[in-house]
Protein backbone atom coordinates (compact mmCIF):
# COMPACT_ATOMS: atom_id res chain seq x y z
CA MET A 1 134.72 103.32 110.87
CA LEU A 2 133.85 100.90 108.08
CA PRO A 3 130.56 101.14 106.14
CA ILE A 4 127.90 98.72 107.30
CA LEU A 5 127.92 97.13 103.83
CA ARG A 6 130.38 97.21 100.98
CA ILE A 7 130.01 95.62 97.56
CA ASN A 8 133.28 95.51 95.63
CA ASP A 9 133.48 94.69 91.89
CA LEU A 10 130.60 92.21 92.06
CA SER A 11 129.71 90.29 88.91
CA ILE A 12 126.91 87.73 88.72
CA ASP A 13 125.94 85.53 85.77
CA PHE A 14 122.90 83.35 85.21
CA VAL A 15 123.68 80.02 83.57
CA SER A 16 121.06 78.25 81.46
CA GLU A 17 120.88 75.83 78.55
CA SER A 18 120.79 78.75 76.14
CA GLY A 19 124.00 80.22 77.53
CA ILE A 20 125.34 82.66 80.12
CA THR A 21 123.60 85.96 80.88
CA ALA A 22 125.57 88.67 82.68
CA ALA A 23 123.19 90.16 85.30
CA LEU A 24 125.70 92.32 87.21
CA LYS A 25 128.95 93.69 85.83
CA ASN A 26 131.61 94.81 88.31
CA ILE A 27 129.34 96.89 90.53
CA SER A 28 130.64 98.64 93.64
CA LEU A 29 128.70 100.53 96.29
CA SER A 30 128.56 101.10 100.02
CA VAL A 31 126.02 102.11 102.66
CA ASN A 32 126.72 103.50 106.13
CA ARG A 33 124.77 103.15 109.35
CA SER A 34 121.95 105.75 109.56
CA GLU A 35 122.13 106.25 105.78
CA ILE A 36 119.56 105.56 103.06
CA LEU A 37 121.06 104.47 99.75
CA ALA A 38 118.58 104.36 96.85
CA ILE A 39 119.29 102.06 93.91
CA VAL A 40 117.29 103.28 90.91
CA GLY A 41 116.76 101.80 87.47
CA GLU A 42 114.28 100.18 85.13
CA SER A 43 113.13 96.56 85.27
CA GLY A 44 116.00 94.35 84.17
CA SER A 45 118.71 96.79 85.23
CA GLY A 46 119.95 94.49 88.01
CA LYS A 47 118.51 96.22 91.10
CA SER A 48 116.75 93.20 92.60
CA VAL A 49 119.62 90.88 91.69
CA THR A 50 121.91 93.18 93.68
CA ALA A 51 119.58 93.09 96.68
CA LEU A 52 119.06 89.33 96.61
CA SER A 53 122.78 88.66 96.20
CA ILE A 54 123.53 90.30 99.57
CA LEU A 55 121.71 87.51 101.43
CA LYS A 56 122.43 84.87 98.73
CA LEU A 57 118.75 84.47 97.91
CA LEU A 58 119.30 84.13 94.17
CA ALA A 59 118.18 81.11 92.15
CA SER A 60 120.48 78.11 91.85
CA THR A 61 121.31 79.16 88.27
CA ALA A 62 123.12 82.27 89.56
CA ARG A 63 126.91 82.25 89.65
CA PHE A 64 129.07 84.72 91.59
CA SER A 65 131.76 85.35 88.97
CA SER A 66 133.82 87.90 90.89
CA GLY A 67 133.79 90.43 93.68
CA GLU A 68 132.88 90.44 97.36
CA ILE A 69 130.09 91.56 99.70
CA ILE A 70 131.33 92.65 103.14
CA PHE A 71 129.07 93.25 106.12
CA SER A 72 130.36 95.17 109.18
CA GLU A 73 127.73 95.58 111.87
CA ASP A 74 129.94 97.30 114.42
CA GLY A 75 132.10 99.23 111.95
CA ASN A 76 135.20 97.22 112.84
CA ASN A 77 134.79 93.48 112.27
CA GLU A 78 134.12 92.28 108.75
CA ILE A 79 132.00 89.37 107.55
CA HIS A 80 132.44 88.26 103.94
CA LEU A 81 128.88 87.24 103.07
CA THR A 82 129.78 85.59 99.75
CA ARG A 83 132.09 83.15 101.58
CA LEU A 84 129.77 82.46 104.50
CA PRO A 85 128.26 78.94 104.82
CA ASN A 86 124.49 78.85 104.51
CA LYS A 87 124.06 77.81 108.16
CA GLU A 88 125.93 80.90 109.35
CA LEU A 89 124.17 83.13 106.83
CA GLN A 90 120.83 81.96 108.21
CA LYS A 91 121.69 83.62 111.53
CA ILE A 92 122.13 86.95 109.71
CA ARG A 93 119.04 86.80 107.48
CA GLY A 94 116.15 88.59 109.13
CA ASN A 95 118.26 89.26 112.23
CA LYS A 96 121.17 91.48 111.22
CA ILE A 97 120.09 92.09 107.62
CA ALA A 98 116.37 92.12 106.78
CA MET A 99 114.46 92.55 103.56
CA ILE A 100 111.05 93.92 102.53
CA PHE A 101 109.95 92.31 99.27
CA GLN A 102 108.08 93.97 96.41
CA GLU A 103 104.81 92.05 96.59
CA PRO A 104 103.52 91.47 100.12
CA MET A 105 100.73 89.10 99.10
CA THR A 106 103.21 86.60 97.65
CA SER A 107 105.67 87.13 100.52
CA LEU A 108 103.14 86.50 103.29
CA ASN A 109 101.89 82.96 103.89
CA PRO A 110 98.13 82.95 103.18
CA VAL A 111 97.38 80.10 105.65
CA PHE A 112 98.90 81.77 108.71
CA THR A 113 97.72 84.92 110.46
CA CYS A 114 99.82 88.06 110.08
CA GLY A 115 100.60 88.06 113.80
CA ASN A 116 101.84 84.48 113.84
CA GLN A 117 104.18 85.17 110.94
CA VAL A 118 105.78 88.14 112.70
CA ALA A 119 105.94 86.27 116.02
CA GLU A 120 107.62 83.35 114.26
CA SER A 121 110.32 85.69 112.90
CA ILE A 122 110.95 87.00 116.42
CA GLN A 123 111.18 83.51 117.96
CA LEU A 124 113.48 82.33 115.18
CA HIS A 125 116.22 84.70 116.34
CA LYS A 126 115.31 85.31 119.98
CA LYS A 127 114.81 82.71 122.69
CA ILE A 128 111.54 84.02 124.11
CA SER A 129 108.15 82.48 124.87
CA THR A 130 105.22 82.46 122.45
CA SER A 131 103.24 84.89 124.60
CA LYS A 132 106.20 87.29 124.75
CA ALA A 133 106.66 87.04 120.98
CA LYS A 134 102.96 87.84 120.52
CA GLN A 135 103.29 90.94 122.72
CA GLN A 136 106.30 92.12 120.73
CA ALA A 137 104.53 91.48 117.40
CA ILE A 138 101.53 93.56 118.50
CA GLU A 139 103.88 96.31 119.66
CA TRP A 140 105.57 96.34 116.25
CA PHE A 141 102.16 96.51 114.56
CA ARG A 142 101.52 99.56 116.72
CA LYS A 143 104.88 101.10 115.70
CA VAL A 144 104.11 100.68 112.00
CA LYS A 145 100.76 102.39 112.64
CA LEU A 146 98.44 99.53 111.80
CA PRO A 147 94.88 100.21 113.03
CA GLU A 148 93.76 97.99 115.91
CA PRO A 149 97.03 95.98 116.13
CA GLU A 150 95.51 93.34 118.43
CA LYS A 151 92.90 92.52 115.78
CA VAL A 152 95.45 92.61 112.95
CA PHE A 153 97.44 89.95 114.81
CA SER A 154 94.59 87.47 114.23
CA LYS A 155 93.83 88.47 110.64
CA TYR A 156 95.00 86.66 107.51
CA PRO A 157 96.81 88.54 104.71
CA HIS A 158 93.78 88.54 102.37
CA GLN A 159 91.79 90.43 105.03
CA LEU A 160 94.09 93.47 104.84
CA SER A 161 94.49 96.21 102.24
CA GLY A 162 97.66 96.52 100.15
CA GLY A 163 99.05 99.26 102.36
CA GLN A 164 98.29 97.30 105.53
CA LYS A 165 99.97 94.16 104.15
CA GLN A 166 103.04 96.24 103.34
CA ARG A 167 103.10 97.52 106.93
CA VAL A 168 103.00 93.92 108.17
CA MET A 169 106.01 93.22 105.94
CA VAL A 170 107.80 96.25 107.42
CA ALA A 171 107.05 95.00 110.95
CA MET A 172 108.31 91.51 110.07
CA ALA A 173 111.51 92.92 108.60
CA ILE A 174 112.47 95.17 111.52
CA CYS A 175 111.09 93.16 114.48
CA CYS A 176 114.59 91.87 115.27
CA LYS A 177 116.10 95.36 114.97
CA PRO A 178 118.42 94.67 112.01
CA SER A 179 121.44 96.82 111.28
CA LEU A 180 120.67 96.86 107.54
CA LEU A 181 117.24 96.96 105.90
CA ILE A 182 116.80 96.18 102.19
CA CYS A 183 113.57 97.49 100.61
CA ASP A 184 112.90 96.02 97.16
CA GLU A 185 110.26 98.17 95.43
CA PRO A 186 108.05 98.25 98.57
CA THR A 187 105.66 100.92 97.24
CA THR A 188 105.39 100.14 93.51
CA ALA A 189 101.71 99.17 93.31
CA LEU A 190 100.44 101.39 96.13
CA ASP A 191 98.30 104.53 95.96
CA VAL A 192 100.29 107.76 96.20
CA THR A 193 98.92 108.56 99.66
CA VAL A 194 99.66 105.06 100.99
CA GLN A 195 103.07 105.21 99.31
CA LYS A 196 103.85 108.49 101.05
CA ASN A 197 102.86 106.99 104.42
CA ILE A 198 105.05 103.90 103.88
CA LEU A 199 108.02 106.07 102.87
CA GLN A 200 107.59 108.26 105.95
CA LEU A 201 107.30 105.14 108.11
CA ILE A 202 110.52 103.64 106.75
CA LYS A 203 112.33 106.95 107.24
CA GLU A 204 111.09 107.29 110.84
CA LEU A 205 112.04 103.72 111.75
CA GLN A 206 115.43 104.12 110.08
CA GLU A 207 116.17 107.21 112.17
CA GLU A 208 114.85 105.58 115.36
CA GLN A 209 116.82 102.33 114.92
CA LYS A 210 119.83 104.03 113.24
CA MET A 211 119.68 101.44 110.47
CA GLY A 212 121.38 101.50 107.14
CA VAL A 213 118.79 101.20 104.36
CA ILE A 214 119.05 100.12 100.72
CA PHE A 215 115.90 101.30 98.93
CA ILE A 216 115.27 99.90 95.46
CA THR A 217 112.88 101.59 93.03
CA HIS A 218 112.36 102.40 89.35
CA ASP A 219 111.13 105.94 90.10
CA LEU A 220 113.58 108.65 91.16
CA GLY A 221 110.67 110.73 92.45
CA VAL A 222 109.83 108.09 95.07
CA VAL A 223 113.16 108.54 96.86
CA SER A 224 113.46 112.27 96.24
CA GLU A 225 112.70 113.11 99.87
CA ILE A 226 114.18 110.21 101.84
CA ALA A 227 117.44 109.12 100.16
CA ASP A 228 120.82 110.40 101.29
CA LYS A 229 122.67 108.88 98.35
CA ILE A 230 121.49 107.50 94.99
CA ALA A 231 123.06 104.88 92.71
CA VAL A 232 121.62 104.62 89.18
CA MET A 233 121.76 101.20 87.49
CA TYR A 234 121.53 100.44 83.79
CA LYS A 235 121.99 97.02 82.16
CA GLY A 236 123.74 95.50 85.15
CA LYS A 237 126.09 98.41 85.76
CA ILE A 238 126.10 101.37 88.12
CA VAL A 239 126.34 104.35 85.78
CA GLU A 240 126.16 107.14 88.35
CA THR A 241 126.41 107.50 92.13
CA ASN A 242 126.02 110.79 93.96
CA SER A 243 124.19 112.62 96.70
CA ARG A 244 120.45 113.12 96.32
CA LYS A 245 120.91 116.85 95.71
CA GLU A 246 123.49 116.35 92.94
CA ILE A 247 121.45 113.65 91.19
CA PHE A 248 118.38 115.88 90.97
CA THR A 249 120.06 119.21 90.28
CA ASN A 250 123.04 118.13 88.20
CA PRO A 251 122.63 114.61 86.73
CA GLN A 252 125.64 113.55 84.69
CA HIS A 253 124.76 110.31 82.91
CA PRO A 254 122.25 110.46 80.01
CA TYR A 255 120.31 107.54 81.51
CA THR A 256 119.79 109.47 84.76
CA LYS A 257 118.66 112.51 82.77
CA GLY A 258 116.20 110.30 80.88
CA LEU A 259 114.70 108.79 84.06
CA LEU A 260 114.10 112.27 85.43
CA ALA A 261 112.78 113.83 82.23
CA CYS A 262 110.19 111.17 81.34
CA ARG A 263 108.06 111.69 84.46
CA PRO A 264 104.65 113.26 83.55
CA VAL A 265 104.81 115.55 86.59
CA PHE A 266 107.37 117.70 84.72
CA HIS A 267 105.26 118.11 81.57
CA GLN A 268 102.14 119.95 80.54
CA LYS A 269 99.34 118.39 78.56
CA GLY A 270 100.22 118.70 74.89
CA GLU A 271 103.93 118.01 75.36
CA ARG A 272 105.20 114.73 74.05
CA LEU A 273 106.90 112.86 76.87
CA PRO A 274 110.60 112.20 76.32
CA VAL A 275 111.78 108.60 76.77
CA VAL A 276 115.11 107.25 77.98
CA SER A 277 116.19 106.18 74.50
CA ASP A 278 116.01 109.82 73.36
CA PHE A 279 118.92 110.58 75.67
CA LEU A 280 120.94 107.40 75.13
CA GLU A 281 120.81 107.45 71.33
CA THR A 282 121.84 111.10 70.87
CA PRO A 283 125.59 111.90 70.85
CA ASN A 284 125.37 115.05 72.99
CA ASN A 285 122.69 113.57 75.28
CA THR A 286 120.54 116.69 74.99
CA PRO A 287 118.43 116.09 71.87
CA GLN A 288 116.36 118.89 70.45
CA ALA A 289 113.26 116.72 70.87
CA ILE A 290 113.83 116.76 74.60
CA ASP A 291 114.74 120.41 75.02
CA LYS A 292 111.62 121.44 73.11
CA PRO A 293 109.23 118.50 72.92
CA PRO A 294 106.86 118.68 69.95
CA LYS A 295 103.33 119.73 70.82
CA LEU A 296 100.57 117.20 70.46
CA GLU A 297 97.36 118.44 68.93
CA ASN A 298 95.00 119.51 71.67
CA THR A 299 92.10 117.06 71.84
CA VAL A 300 90.08 119.01 74.38
CA VAL A 301 86.45 119.24 73.45
CA SER A 302 84.65 121.79 75.57
CA GLY A 303 81.71 124.10 75.59
CA GLN A 304 78.01 123.57 75.97
CA SER A 305 77.59 122.91 72.21
CA SER A 306 79.87 119.84 72.31
CA PRO A 307 77.89 116.58 71.94
CA VAL A 308 77.56 114.35 75.01
CA LEU A 309 78.48 110.73 74.26
CA LEU A 310 77.77 109.29 77.72
CA ARG A 311 75.43 110.57 80.41
CA VAL A 312 75.43 108.84 83.81
CA LYS A 313 72.64 109.74 86.21
CA ASP A 314 72.31 108.71 89.88
CA LEU A 315 74.30 105.51 89.32
CA SER A 316 74.78 103.23 92.33
CA VAL A 317 76.48 99.86 92.76
CA TRP A 318 75.93 98.30 96.18
CA PHE A 319 77.27 94.94 97.31
CA PRO A 320 75.45 93.08 100.13
CA VAL A 321 77.75 92.21 103.05
CA LYS A 322 75.25 90.86 105.56
CA LYS A 323 72.04 88.84 105.12
CA ASN A 324 69.42 87.43 107.47
CA LEU A 325 68.27 83.79 107.57
CA LEU A 326 65.80 84.42 104.74
CA GLY A 327 68.54 85.82 102.49
CA LYS A 328 67.46 89.44 102.71
CA SER A 329 70.36 91.90 102.62
CA LEU A 330 70.74 93.83 105.86
CA SER A 331 73.80 95.97 105.05
CA PHE A 332 75.71 96.97 101.95
CA THR A 333 79.10 98.18 100.75
CA LYS A 334 78.31 101.24 98.65
CA ALA A 335 81.08 100.92 96.05
CA VAL A 336 79.43 103.53 93.82
CA ASP A 337 76.87 105.77 95.48
CA ASN A 338 74.56 108.05 93.50
CA VAL A 339 77.11 109.19 90.91
CA SER A 340 76.21 111.52 88.02
CA PHE A 341 78.46 112.90 85.26
CA GLU A 342 78.77 113.38 81.50
CA VAL A 343 81.46 112.42 79.00
CA ILE A 344 81.83 114.71 76.00
CA LYS A 345 82.50 113.13 72.62
CA GLY A 346 86.21 113.10 71.76
CA GLU A 347 87.53 114.01 75.22
CA THR A 348 89.68 112.14 77.71
CA LEU A 349 88.02 112.18 81.11
CA GLY A 350 90.34 111.29 83.99
CA LEU A 351 88.90 109.36 86.93
CA VAL A 352 91.22 109.42 89.93
CA GLY A 353 91.10 108.09 93.48
CA GLU A 354 92.71 105.64 95.87
CA SER A 355 92.19 101.88 95.83
CA GLY A 356 88.74 101.04 97.15
CA CYS A 357 87.18 104.37 96.17
CA GLY A 358 84.98 102.67 93.55
CA LYS A 359 86.60 103.86 90.32
CA THR A 360 87.16 100.37 88.82
CA THR A 361 83.64 99.29 89.88
CA LEU A 362 82.26 102.41 88.17
CA GLY A 363 84.21 101.66 84.98
CA ARG A 364 82.94 98.08 84.84
CA ALA A 365 79.38 99.11 85.67
CA LEU A 366 79.41 101.41 82.62
CA LEU A 367 80.06 98.30 80.51
CA ARG A 368 77.50 96.23 82.47
CA LEU A 369 80.30 93.85 83.50
CA ILE A 370 78.97 94.63 86.97
CA GLU A 371 75.22 95.14 87.28
CA PRO A 372 74.21 98.58 88.63
CA THR A 373 71.91 98.71 91.66
CA ALA A 374 70.20 101.89 90.47
CA GLY A 375 70.58 104.76 88.01
CA GLU A 376 70.88 105.35 84.29
CA ILE A 377 73.74 104.92 81.80
CA ILE A 378 72.79 106.74 78.59
CA TYR A 379 75.27 105.97 75.79
CA ASN A 380 74.55 107.62 72.43
CA GLY A 381 70.94 108.05 73.49
CA ILE A 382 70.57 104.38 74.55
CA ASP A 383 69.97 103.48 78.22
CA LEU A 384 72.35 100.54 78.76
CA THR A 385 70.70 99.60 82.05
CA LYS A 386 67.51 98.62 80.17
CA LYS A 387 69.25 96.38 77.62
CA THR A 388 69.27 92.58 77.87
CA GLY A 389 72.52 90.64 78.05
CA HIS A 390 72.30 89.72 74.37
CA GLU A 391 71.71 93.32 73.35
CA ILE A 392 74.65 94.48 75.46
CA ILE A 393 77.01 92.05 73.71
CA SER A 394 76.29 93.70 70.35
CA LEU A 395 76.94 97.15 71.87
CA ARG A 396 80.23 96.14 73.49
CA LYS A 397 82.09 96.26 70.19
CA ASP A 398 81.66 100.03 70.42
CA ILE A 399 82.79 100.27 74.08
CA GLN A 400 86.07 98.56 75.02
CA LEU A 401 88.09 98.14 78.20
CA VAL A 402 91.87 98.16 78.71
CA PHE A 403 92.50 96.20 81.90
CA GLN A 404 94.92 97.12 84.67
CA ASP A 405 96.92 93.87 84.55
CA PRO A 406 97.55 92.90 80.92
CA TYR A 407 99.07 89.53 81.80
CA SER A 408 96.01 88.27 83.68
CA SER A 409 93.67 89.60 80.96
CA LEU A 410 95.46 87.63 78.21
CA ASN A 411 94.98 83.88 77.84
CA PRO A 412 98.43 82.33 78.38
CA ARG A 413 97.51 79.49 75.98
CA LEU A 414 96.69 81.81 73.09
CA THR A 415 99.23 83.62 70.93
CA ILE A 416 98.75 87.36 70.95
CA GLY A 417 97.61 87.20 67.33
CA SER A 418 94.83 84.78 68.25
CA ALA A 419 93.87 86.93 71.24
CA ILE A 420 93.41 90.01 69.05
CA ILE A 421 91.61 88.10 66.28
CA GLU A 422 89.12 86.58 68.75
CA PRO A 423 86.88 89.70 69.17
CA LEU A 424 86.86 90.13 65.39
CA LYS A 425 85.46 86.60 65.04
CA VAL A 426 82.93 87.03 67.86
CA HIS A 427 81.47 90.13 66.24
CA GLY A 428 81.72 88.83 62.66
CA GLN A 429 84.17 91.43 61.44
CA TYR A 430 85.78 90.94 57.99
CA LYS A 431 84.90 88.19 55.53
CA SER A 432 87.96 85.96 55.73
CA GLU A 433 90.66 84.83 58.13
CA LYS A 434 93.25 86.46 55.87
CA GLN A 435 91.58 89.88 56.23
CA ARG A 436 91.37 89.50 60.01
CA ARG A 437 95.02 88.51 60.14
CA GLU A 438 96.01 91.55 58.09
CA ARG A 439 93.97 93.75 60.44
CA VAL A 440 95.86 92.35 63.44
CA MET A 441 99.24 92.83 61.75
CA ASP A 442 98.32 96.46 61.09
CA LEU A 443 97.24 96.98 64.72
CA LEU A 444 100.47 95.50 66.07
CA GLU A 445 102.48 97.97 64.02
CA LYS A 446 100.26 100.87 65.13
CA VAL A 447 101.07 100.10 68.80
CA ASN A 448 104.80 99.94 67.97
CA LEU A 449 105.11 96.15 67.92
CA GLU A 450 106.05 94.00 64.91
CA SER A 451 103.99 91.67 62.76
CA LYS A 452 106.41 88.85 63.58
CA HIS A 453 105.09 88.98 67.17
CA PHE A 454 101.78 87.52 65.94
CA ASN A 455 102.66 83.93 66.93
CA ARG A 456 104.28 84.67 70.28
CA TYR A 457 102.70 84.03 73.67
CA PRO A 458 102.05 86.64 76.41
CA HIS A 459 104.88 85.39 78.66
CA GLU A 460 107.39 86.19 75.91
CA PHE A 461 106.78 89.94 76.24
CA SER A 462 107.73 92.61 78.76
CA GLY A 463 105.09 94.40 80.85
CA GLY A 464 105.10 97.43 78.55
CA GLN A 465 104.75 95.24 75.45
CA ARG A 466 101.83 93.33 77.00
CA GLN A 467 100.11 96.63 77.70
CA ARG A 468 100.50 97.52 74.01
CA ILE A 469 98.97 94.16 73.06
CA VAL A 470 95.91 94.82 75.26
CA ILE A 471 95.53 98.27 73.70
CA ALA A 472 95.70 96.71 70.21
CA ARG A 473 92.99 94.22 71.19
CA ALA A 474 90.78 97.07 72.43
CA LEU A 475 91.25 98.91 69.11
CA ALA A 476 90.47 95.86 66.96
CA LEU A 477 86.74 96.63 66.66
CA ASN A 478 87.21 100.37 66.02
CA PRO A 479 85.40 101.40 69.22
CA SER A 480 84.25 104.96 69.76
CA PHE A 481 84.65 104.72 73.55
CA ILE A 482 87.49 103.09 75.55
CA ILE A 483 87.80 102.78 79.32
CA CYS A 484 91.45 102.51 80.41
CA ASP A 485 91.66 101.03 83.92
CA GLU A 486 95.07 101.85 85.47
CA PRO A 487 96.93 101.03 82.22
CA VAL A 488 100.32 102.37 83.39
CA SER A 489 100.25 101.94 87.18
CA ALA A 490 102.69 99.00 87.37
CA LEU A 491 105.10 100.13 84.63
CA ASP A 492 108.56 101.66 84.90
CA VAL A 493 108.44 105.44 84.49
CA SER A 494 110.22 105.23 81.12
CA VAL A 495 107.82 102.55 79.80
CA GLN A 496 104.94 104.54 81.29
CA ALA A 497 106.02 107.51 79.15
CA GLN A 498 106.05 105.31 76.02
CA VAL A 499 102.53 103.98 76.70
CA LEU A 500 101.16 107.48 77.45
CA ASN A 501 102.66 108.77 74.19
CA LEU A 502 101.13 105.79 72.40
CA LEU A 503 97.68 106.49 73.86
CA ASN A 504 97.91 110.11 72.72
CA ASP A 505 99.01 109.04 69.23
CA ILE A 506 96.30 106.44 68.66
CA LYS A 507 93.62 108.68 70.14
CA LYS A 508 94.59 111.33 67.61
CA GLU A 509 94.43 108.74 64.80
CA PHE A 510 91.28 106.83 65.80
CA GLY A 511 89.37 109.70 67.45
CA PHE A 512 87.80 107.68 70.26
CA THR A 513 86.53 109.00 73.59
CA THR A 514 88.28 107.83 76.77
CA ILE A 515 87.77 107.46 80.49
CA PHE A 516 91.26 107.13 81.97
CA ILE A 517 91.24 105.57 85.46
CA SER A 518 94.26 105.97 87.74
CA HIS A 519 95.34 106.61 91.32
CA ASP A 520 98.09 108.98 90.13
CA LEU A 521 96.90 112.58 89.65
CA ALA A 522 100.12 113.57 87.88
CA VAL A 523 99.47 111.01 85.12
CA VAL A 524 95.77 111.87 84.94
CA ARG A 525 96.49 115.59 84.72
CA TYR A 526 98.91 114.98 81.83
CA ILE A 527 96.62 112.73 79.76
CA SER A 528 93.15 114.19 80.51
CA ASP A 529 91.01 117.11 79.38
CA ARG A 530 88.84 116.97 82.50
CA ILE A 531 89.28 115.22 85.86
CA MET A 532 86.82 113.63 88.28
CA VAL A 533 88.06 112.80 91.78
CA MET A 534 86.36 109.85 93.48
CA HIS A 535 86.31 109.13 97.21
CA LYS A 536 84.27 106.49 99.07
CA GLY A 537 82.02 105.81 96.10
CA GLN A 538 81.21 109.44 95.31
CA ILE A 539 82.55 112.15 92.99
CA VAL A 540 83.95 114.81 95.32
CA GLU A 541 85.42 117.15 92.70
CA GLN A 542 85.47 117.56 88.93
CA GLY A 543 86.57 120.16 86.43
CA ASN A 544 89.19 121.14 83.87
CA ALA A 545 92.39 119.07 84.36
CA ASP A 546 94.66 122.01 85.15
CA ASP A 547 92.09 123.66 87.42
CA VAL A 548 91.67 120.50 89.53
CA TYR A 549 95.42 119.86 89.64
CA TYR A 550 96.69 123.38 90.32
CA HIS A 551 93.70 124.80 92.20
CA PRO A 552 91.99 121.91 94.02
CA LYS A 553 89.01 122.75 96.20
CA ASN A 554 88.35 119.48 98.01
CA GLU A 555 90.63 118.46 100.90
CA TYR A 556 90.86 114.89 99.59
CA THR A 557 92.06 116.17 96.21
CA LYS A 558 94.65 118.37 97.92
CA ASN A 559 95.92 115.36 99.86
CA LEU A 560 96.27 113.30 96.67
CA ILE A 561 98.26 116.07 94.98
CA ASN A 562 100.52 116.65 97.98
CA SER A 563 101.33 112.94 98.03
CA ILE A 564 102.71 112.85 94.47
CA PRO A 565 106.38 111.78 94.82
CA GLY A 566 108.88 114.36 93.59
CA LYS A 567 106.16 116.87 92.71
CA ASN A 568 108.15 119.80 94.08
CA LEU A 569 111.50 118.92 92.53
CA ASN A 570 113.15 121.76 90.68
CA TYR A 571 114.36 119.60 87.81
CA SER A 572 115.04 121.53 84.64
CA ARG A 573 115.59 119.97 81.26
């Protein structure tokens, strides 16, 4: 019996005014019915181009240079998708071959309800009534375990959480019972617990429907428990294909070894994280720096005698959700509810929890970017809650924030040099423009960028480079306290390792204190001295990083740890 999909020697180029860019170079792979094939690689490796080429969803600048894509639903008859007219291909898209896209909010139409969008997909390929399509859509919502599926049918995408929107996308993709499901990074920006649920859901539906699945991701750990076979892509080529067991226990290609080794879950605090380039640039692919990573100086500051830089007491941030006719608030969302903790000078305090737990609200409240409802924020002996807006501005040069999304926090009309100089001008730092410019050049080099990048715009950089730019901007005023809000959550694991190493390096050089916010306990455990776990606006557990990670006491903390992808892999460097 033939595989459900075969790709043979496929090459795709992108043609532009500046020339021809080779996106895929003679790739070959296959996936069988009831099999999950994972395609793994960093951003730019060609994973999404491969997925989009199957249904010919690439931009008009794409050119199929060579090769073929063959679909065989029944295992006998073959359909050459690359030769198929668009009208015939339309009958296959969403019906025989379906796709779950990376970002559900941009894939779902914001002006239509979630139910109508799924029902429309059903009616597009099946000749059934609107009422019947609605019943089937609600049934699919039930199958993907959405709460109150009848109500979800009438809700718009913005009314759902990230995990719920992704479940709607899953329902839309499989509502016509396709033979092949393509999942393009469907869990990248999700919390680890939500990610685990989505992965389990896809696996269950795949087994129930006996589908073939192509699962695309940048993180080998994500597919460590669901993939049958793994193909590793690098610079438009497939460099290694093998069973899941062989990939994790006996990786052959240096790039595969690098992707596995750079994950923080395999390293203790104090070890420098290896990066992919360490493996690719060394002739024997097993560099000494990877076998025995150099120890970072321990920055833990502990003990009762250690000075407290920040003391938070009974802090609450409540948002009104319902008011009466006179404008009086009747009910509230308690984003932060009666939270108390201390931050010791020089330490990295990890703050971890799922989306919606209140961790970002807490971080912004500490900076008075969100006004607290009650409580005290004592920084260096000063109660920030009693300071006026003008007084807070002068204090902010000492407390900086690294935002989660560097692209949206940078002005697209300003060069990165201007963006970093701006806070220096606002706070009157340095006497001349020349001195400020020299300061920015120095900062760019400290975050492993180049001075020639000064006049480039944010869109000209990769995600990892933009994160470095935001870190440089935060360092410009020599702050003593930096709040890092999910600074590595959307990065490839290899780029994540580079940024984490950078944070350790600059912390050692500049000696600032940090609150590191993340939903990933493996990352927080690696970077932090102490950890606080937040759930529904409250701190449910806190303590030494290793104690919280290896010996959790709270059930919520245990659930977070158990949801870390690939945590139990026996990968040995």
